[in-house]
């Protein structure tokens, strides 16, 4: 875990951090066939997509869905893949920090928000058209699939209250 350091001089010192909550259930262990199907879908969706762009999309969707486990995992994966701390920090306010991102990344982030927050309505034509202008059709289809997959992972993580802080990049093969 990355928080709650333990001091062993005279037993554990009281931690200034809140206690870690337990997960509601080990869903992946209970339905391993569903978990493995999700892993296969994730693997298929990511083929041919820029890994850094993919991690930006995953972090942004996870911010919107408030999935702490996926934020932990994909922030660490992004950093391990060479993403900058500055761009990750600015991601929650990307619309006001556009100068940190390429036009293609902005189109992907706009599409991510539109697909993730469907309660706001359909994906707007102009958002889709902007993304279509930066991605070839097959690449766009994979991007939409990747956005859909991270939203599904977020729903498993949030609903079963998975615990962040224990992931190390490379722990899960993609």
C-alpha atoms as a PDB file:
ATOM      1  CA  UNK A   1       0.000   0.000   0.000  1.00  0.00           C
ATOM      2  CA  UNK A   2       1.248   3.483  -0.731  1.00  0.00           C
ATOM      3  CA  UNK A   3      -0.257   5.145   2.371  1.00  0.00           C
ATOM      4  CA  UNK A   4      -0.385   4.272   6.066  1.00  0.00           C
ATOM      5  CA  UNK A   5       3.358   3.692   6.572  1.00  0.00           C
ATOM      6  CA  UNK A   6       4.122   1.318   9.428  1.00  0.00           C
ATOM      7  CA  UNK A   7       6.896   2.137  11.899  1.00  0.00           C
ATOM      8  CA  UNK A   8       8.335  -0.915  13.657  1.00  0.00           C
ATOM      9  CA  UNK A   9      10.506   0.736  16.371  1.00  0.00           C
ATOM     10  CA  UNK A  10       8.094  -0.057  19.219  1.00  0.00           C
ATOM     11  CA  UNK A  11       5.154  -1.452  17.304  1.00  0.00           C
ATOM     12  CA  UNK A  12       3.048   0.321  14.732  1.00  0.00           C
ATOM     13  CA  UNK A  13       2.729   4.061  15.260  1.00  0.00           C
ATOM     14  CA  UNK A  14      -0.704   5.585  14.921  1.00  0.00           C
ATOM     15  CA  UNK A  15      -1.301   6.579  11.323  1.00  0.00           C
ATOM     16  CA  UNK A  16      -2.388  10.103  10.381  1.00  0.00           C
ATOM     17  CA  UNK A  17      -4.340   8.563   7.486  1.00  0.00           C
ATOM     18  CA  UNK A  18      -7.919   7.318   7.518  1.00  0.00           C
ATOM     19  CA  UNK A  19      -8.183   3.532   7.721  1.00  0.00           C
ATOM     20  CA  UNK A  20      -8.424   1.604   4.485  1.00  0.00           C
ATOM     21  CA  UNK A  21     -11.932   0.379   3.759  1.00  0.00           C
ATOM     22  CA  UNK A  22     -12.454  -3.255   2.816  1.00  0.00           C
ATOM     23  CA  UNK A  23     -13.776  -4.223  -0.601  1.00  0.00           C
ATOM     24  CA  UNK A  24     -17.430  -5.245  -0.577  1.00  0.00           C
ATOM     25  CA  UNK A  25     -16.646  -8.443  -2.432  1.00  0.00           C
ATOM     26  CA  UNK A  26     -13.878 -10.076  -4.447  1.00  0.00           C
ATOM     27  CA  UNK A  27     -15.985  -9.991  -7.628  1.00  0.00           C
ATOM     28  CA  UNK A  28     -13.194 -11.197  -9.929  1.00  0.00           C
ATOM     29  CA  UNK A  29     -12.702 -14.307  -7.774  1.00  0.00           C
ATOM     30  CA  UNK A  30     -16.439 -14.963  -7.587  1.00  0.00           C
ATOM     31  CA  UNK A  31     -17.020 -14.706 -11.346  1.00  0.00           C
ATOM     32  CA  UNK A  32     -13.638 -15.417 -12.942  1.00  0.00           C
ATOM     33  CA  UNK A  33     -15.239 -16.130 -16.312  1.00  0.00           C
ATOM     34  CA  UNK A  34     -16.710 -12.599 -16.365  1.00  0.00           C
ATOM     35  CA  UNK A  35     -13.385 -11.104 -15.249  1.00  0.00           C
ATOM     36  CA  UNK A  36     -11.486 -12.997 -17.964  1.00  0.00           C
ATOM     37  CA  UNK A  37     -14.064 -11.927 -20.573  1.00  0.00           C
ATOM     38  CA  UNK A  38     -13.504  -8.301 -19.508  1.00  0.00           C
ATOM     39  CA  UNK A  39      -9.733  -8.746 -19.786  1.00  0.00           C
ATOM     40  CA  UNK A  40     -10.133 -10.177 -23.308  1.00  0.00           C
ATOM     41  CA  UNK A  41     -12.447  -7.310 -24.296  1.00  0.00           C
ATOM     42  CA  UNK A  42      -9.983  -4.783 -22.872  1.00  0.00           C
ATOM     43  CA  UNK A  43      -7.117  -6.412 -24.782  1.00  0.00           C
ATOM     44  CA  UNK A  44      -9.071  -6.418 -28.037  1.00  0.00           C
ATOM     45  CA  UNK A  45     -10.183  -2.793 -27.674  1.00  0.00           C
ATOM     46  CA  UNK A  46      -6.666  -1.440 -27.079  1.00  0.00           C
ATOM     47  CA  UNK A  47      -5.064  -2.951 -30.209  1.00  0.00           C
ATOM     48  CA  UNK A  48      -3.614  -0.238 -32.390  1.00  0.00           C
ATOM     49  CA  UNK A  49      -4.391   2.640 -30.008  1.00  0.00           C
ATOM     50  CA  UNK A  50      -1.630   4.902 -28.741  1.00  0.00           C
ATOM     51  CA  UNK A  51      -0.911   3.638 -25.184  1.00  0.00           C
ATOM     52  CA  UNK A  52      -0.531   7.142 -23.710  1.00  0.00           C
ATOM     53  CA  UNK A  53      -3.771   8.364 -25.292  1.00  0.00           C
ATOM     54  CA  UNK A  54      -5.492   5.223 -24.022  1.00  0.00           C
ATOM     55  CA  UNK A  55      -4.303   5.878 -20.461  1.00  0.00           C
ATOM     56  CA  UNK A  56      -5.511   9.501 -20.638  1.00  0.00           C
ATOM     57  CA  UNK A  57      -8.925   8.223 -21.703  1.00  0.00           C
ATOM     58  CA  UNK A  58      -8.986   5.641 -18.907  1.00  0.00           C
ATOM     59  CA  UNK A  59      -7.959   8.156 -16.258  1.00  0.00           C
ATOM     60  CA  UNK A  60     -10.517  10.728 -17.465  1.00  0.00           C
ATOM     61  CA  UNK A  61     -13.403   8.238 -17.511  1.00  0.00           C
ATOM     62  CA  UNK A  62     -12.342   7.003 -14.065  1.00  0.00           C
ATOM     63  CA  UNK A  63     -12.307  10.583 -12.750  1.00  0.00           C
ATOM     64  CA  UNK A  64     -15.846  11.114 -14.011  1.00  0.00           C
ATOM     65  CA  UNK A  65     -17.014   7.798 -12.541  1.00  0.00           C
ATOM     66  CA  UNK A  66     -15.070   8.339  -9.309  1.00  0.00           C
ATOM     67  CA  UNK A  67     -13.421   4.922  -9.512  1.00  0.00           C
ATOM     68  CA  UNK A  68     -10.496   5.107  -7.101  1.00  0.00           C
ATOM     69  CA  UNK A  69      -9.052   1.721  -8.086  1.00  0.00           C
ATOM     70  CA  UNK A  70      -8.960   2.596 -11.794  1.00  0.00           C
ATOM     71  CA  UNK A  71      -7.567   6.068 -11.063  1.00  0.00           C
ATOM     72  CA  UNK A  72      -4.766   4.466  -9.070  1.00  0.00           C
ATOM     73  CA  UNK A  73      -4.065   1.827 -11.710  1.00  0.00           C
ATOM     74  CA  UNK A  74      -4.219   3.971 -14.834  1.00  0.00           C
ATOM     75  CA  UNK A  75      -2.381   6.950 -13.371  1.00  0.00           C
ATOM     76  CA  UNK A  76       0.455   4.613 -12.438  1.00  0.00           C
ATOM     77  CA  UNK A  77       0.325   2.908 -15.846  1.00  0.00           C
ATOM     78  CA  UNK A  78       0.378   6.300 -17.587  1.00  0.00           C
ATOM     79  CA  UNK A  79       3.409   7.444 -15.591  1.00  0.00           C
ATOM     80  CA  UNK A  80       5.185   4.137 -16.223  1.00  0.00           C
ATOM     81  CA  UNK A  81       4.507   4.559 -19.965  1.00  0.00           C
ATOM     82  CA  UNK A  82       6.125   8.002 -19.931  1.00  0.00           C
ATOM     83  CA  UNK A  83       3.179  10.336 -19.337  1.00  0.00           C
ATOM     84  CA  UNK A  84       4.028  13.529 -17.472  1.00  0.00           C
ATOM     85  CA  UNK A  85       2.781  14.311 -13.980  1.00  0.00           C
ATOM     86  CA  UNK A  86       1.757  17.759 -15.225  1.00  0.00           C
ATOM     87  CA  UNK A  87      -0.589  16.390 -17.913  1.00  0.00           C
ATOM     88  CA  UNK A  88      -2.134  13.911 -15.469  1.00  0.00           C
ATOM     89  CA  UNK A  89      -2.699  16.658 -12.895  1.00  0.00           C
ATOM     90  CA  UNK A  90      -4.315  18.904 -15.510  1.00  0.00           C
ATOM     91  CA  UNK A  91      -6.538  16.120 -16.876  1.00  0.00           C
ATOM     92  CA  UNK A  92      -9.464  16.834 -14.550  1.00  0.00           C
ATOM     93  CA  UNK A  93      -9.522  20.369 -15.994  1.00  0.00           C
ATOM     94  CA  UNK A  94      -8.381  19.495 -19.526  1.00  0.00           C
ATOM     95  CA  UNK A  95     -10.937  21.817 -21.134  1.00  0.00           C
ATOM     96  CA  UNK A  96      -9.245  24.781 -19.438  1.00  0.00           C
ATOM     97  CA  UNK A  97      -5.789  23.293 -20.030  1.00  0.00           C
ATOM     98  CA  UNK A  98      -6.092  22.406 -23.715  1.00  0.00           C
ATOM     99  CA  UNK A  99      -2.562  23.621 -24.418  1.00  0.00           C
ATOM    100  CA  UNK A 100      -1.239  20.531 -22.596  1.00  0.00           C
ATOM    101  CA  UNK A 101      -2.864  18.170 -25.124  1.00  0.00           C
ATOM    102  CA  UNK A 102      -2.857  17.539 -28.858  1.00  0.00           C
ATOM    103  CA  UNK A 103      -5.980  18.103 -30.932  1.00  0.00           C
ATOM    104  CA  UNK A 104      -6.307  14.328 -31.301  1.00  0.00           C
ATOM    105  CA  UNK A 105      -6.129  13.853 -27.515  1.00  0.00           C
ATOM    106  CA  UNK A 106      -8.702  16.617 -27.011  1.00  0.00           C
ATOM    107  CA  UNK A 107     -11.054  14.900 -29.466  1.00  0.00           C
ATOM    108  CA  UNK A 108     -10.574  11.624 -27.559  1.00  0.00           C
ATOM    109  CA  UNK A 109     -11.214  13.328 -24.202  1.00  0.00           C
ATOM    110  CA  UNK A 110     -14.365  15.014 -25.525  1.00  0.00           C
ATOM    111  CA  UNK A 111     -15.611  11.678 -26.817  1.00  0.00           C
ATOM    112  CA  UNK A 112     -14.707  10.002 -23.512  1.00  0.00           C
ATOM    113  CA  UNK A 113     -16.786  12.509 -21.568  1.00  0.00           C
ATOM    114  CA  UNK A 114     -19.741  12.248 -23.954  1.00  0.00           C
ATOM    115  CA  UNK A 115     -19.756   8.430 -23.864  1.00  0.00           C
ATOM    116  CA  UNK A 116     -19.166   8.273 -20.094  1.00  0.00           C
ATOM    117  CA  UNK A 117     -21.844  10.767 -19.103  1.00  0.00           C
ATOM    118  CA  UNK A 118     -24.712   9.485 -21.236  1.00  0.00           C
ATOM    119  CA  UNK A 119     -27.182  10.827 -18.684  1.00  0.00           C
ATOM    120  CA  UNK A 120     -26.494  14.235 -20.264  1.00  0.00           C
ATOM    121  CA  UNK A 121     -27.954  12.948 -23.550  1.00  0.00           C
ATOM    122  CA  UNK A 122     -26.683  11.436 -26.762  1.00  0.00           C
ATOM    123  CA  UNK A 123     -23.096  11.802 -27.917  1.00  0.00           C
ATOM    124  CA  UNK A 124     -23.270  15.174 -29.738  1.00  0.00           C
ATOM    125  CA  UNK A 125     -22.729  15.091 -33.496  1.00  0.00           C
ATOM    126  CA  UNK A 126     -19.965  17.704 -33.280  1.00  0.00           C
ATOM    127  CA  UNK A 127     -18.047  15.657 -30.668  1.00  0.00           C
ATOM    128  CA  UNK A 128     -18.319  12.531 -32.789  1.00  0.00           C
ATOM    129  CA  UNK A 129     -17.354  14.452 -35.951  1.00  0.00           C
ATOM    130  CA  UNK A 130     -14.260  15.936 -34.252  1.00  0.00           C
ATOM    131  CA  UNK A 131     -13.156  12.482 -33.145  1.00  0.00           C
ATOM    132  CA  UNK A 132     -13.859  11.061 -36.608  1.00  0.00           C
ATOM    133  CA  UNK A 133     -11.648  13.793 -38.043  1.00  0.00           C
ATOM    134  CA  UNK A 134      -8.665  12.622 -35.967  1.00  0.00           C
ATOM    135  CA  UNK A 135      -9.114   8.848 -36.003  1.00  0.00           C
ATOM    136  CA  UNK A 136      -9.513   6.447 -38.908  1.00  0.00           C
ATOM    137  CA  UNK A 137     -12.774   4.486 -38.682  1.00  0.00           C
ATOM    138  CA  UNK A 138     -11.275   1.279 -37.275  1.00  0.00           C
ATOM    139  CA  UNK A 139      -9.225   3.269 -34.769  1.00  0.00           C
ATOM    140  CA  UNK A 140     -12.319   5.257 -33.780  1.00  0.00           C
ATOM    141  CA  UNK A 141     -14.270   2.021 -33.296  1.00  0.00           C
ATOM    142  CA  UNK A 142     -11.488   0.748 -31.012  1.00  0.00           C
ATOM    143  CA  UNK A 143     -11.462   4.039 -29.100  1.00  0.00           C
ATOM    144  CA  UNK A 144     -15.227   3.779 -28.542  1.00  0.00           C
ATOM    145  CA  UNK A 145     -14.728   0.178 -27.420  1.00  0.00           C
ATOM    146  CA  UNK A 146     -11.930   1.216 -25.039  1.00  0.00           C
ATOM    147  CA  UNK A 147     -14.096   3.973 -23.542  1.00  0.00           C
ATOM    148  CA  UNK A 148     -16.936   1.484 -23.108  1.00  0.00           C
ATOM    149  CA  UNK A 149     -14.624  -1.057 -21.453  1.00  0.00           C
ATOM    150  CA  UNK A 150     -13.145   1.401 -18.924  1.00  0.00           C
ATOM    151  CA  UNK A 151     -16.666   2.480 -18.023  1.00  0.00           C
ATOM    152  CA  UNK A 152     -17.561  -1.167 -17.373  1.00  0.00           C
ATOM    153  CA  UNK A 153     -14.414  -1.660 -15.252  1.00  0.00           C
ATOM    154  CA  UNK A 154     -15.317   1.517 -13.337  1.00  0.00           C
ATOM    155  CA  UNK A 155     -18.774   0.169 -12.579  1.00  0.00           C
ATOM    156  CA  UNK A 156     -17.351  -3.080 -11.192  1.00  0.00           C
ATOM    157  CA  UNK A 157     -14.774  -1.138  -9.150  1.00  0.00           C
ATOM    158  CA  UNK A 158     -17.176   1.428  -7.723  1.00  0.00           C
ATOM    159  CA  UNK A 159     -20.023  -1.001  -7.010  1.00  0.00           C
ATOM    160  CA  UNK A 160     -17.832  -3.561  -5.260  1.00  0.00           C
ATOM    161  CA  UNK A 161     -15.750  -0.807  -3.637  1.00  0.00           C
ATOM    162  CA  UNK A 162     -12.367  -2.069  -4.778  1.00  0.00           C
ATOM    163  CA  UNK A 163      -9.441  -0.688  -2.783  1.00  0.00           C
ATOM    164  CA  UNK A 164      -6.841   1.554  -4.450  1.00  0.00           C
ATOM    165  CA  UNK A 165      -3.195   1.864  -3.516  1.00  0.00           C
ATOM    166  CA  UNK A 166      -1.940  -1.672  -4.032  1.00  0.00           C
ATOM    167  CA  UNK A 167      -1.394  -1.728  -7.801  1.00  0.00           C
ATOM    168  CA  UNK A 168       2.079  -1.749  -9.334  1.00  0.00           C
ATOM    169  CA  UNK A 169       2.431  -1.201 -13.105  1.00  0.00           C
ATOM    170  CA  UNK A 170       2.913  -4.536 -14.800  1.00  0.00           C
ATOM    171  CA  UNK A 171       0.850  -6.439 -12.203  1.00  0.00           C
ATOM    172  CA  UNK A 172      -1.856  -7.057 -14.799  1.00  0.00           C
ATOM    173  CA  UNK A 173      -0.828  -8.021 -18.309  1.00  0.00           C
ATOM    174  CA  UNK A 174      -2.828  -6.294 -21.033  1.00  0.00           C
END
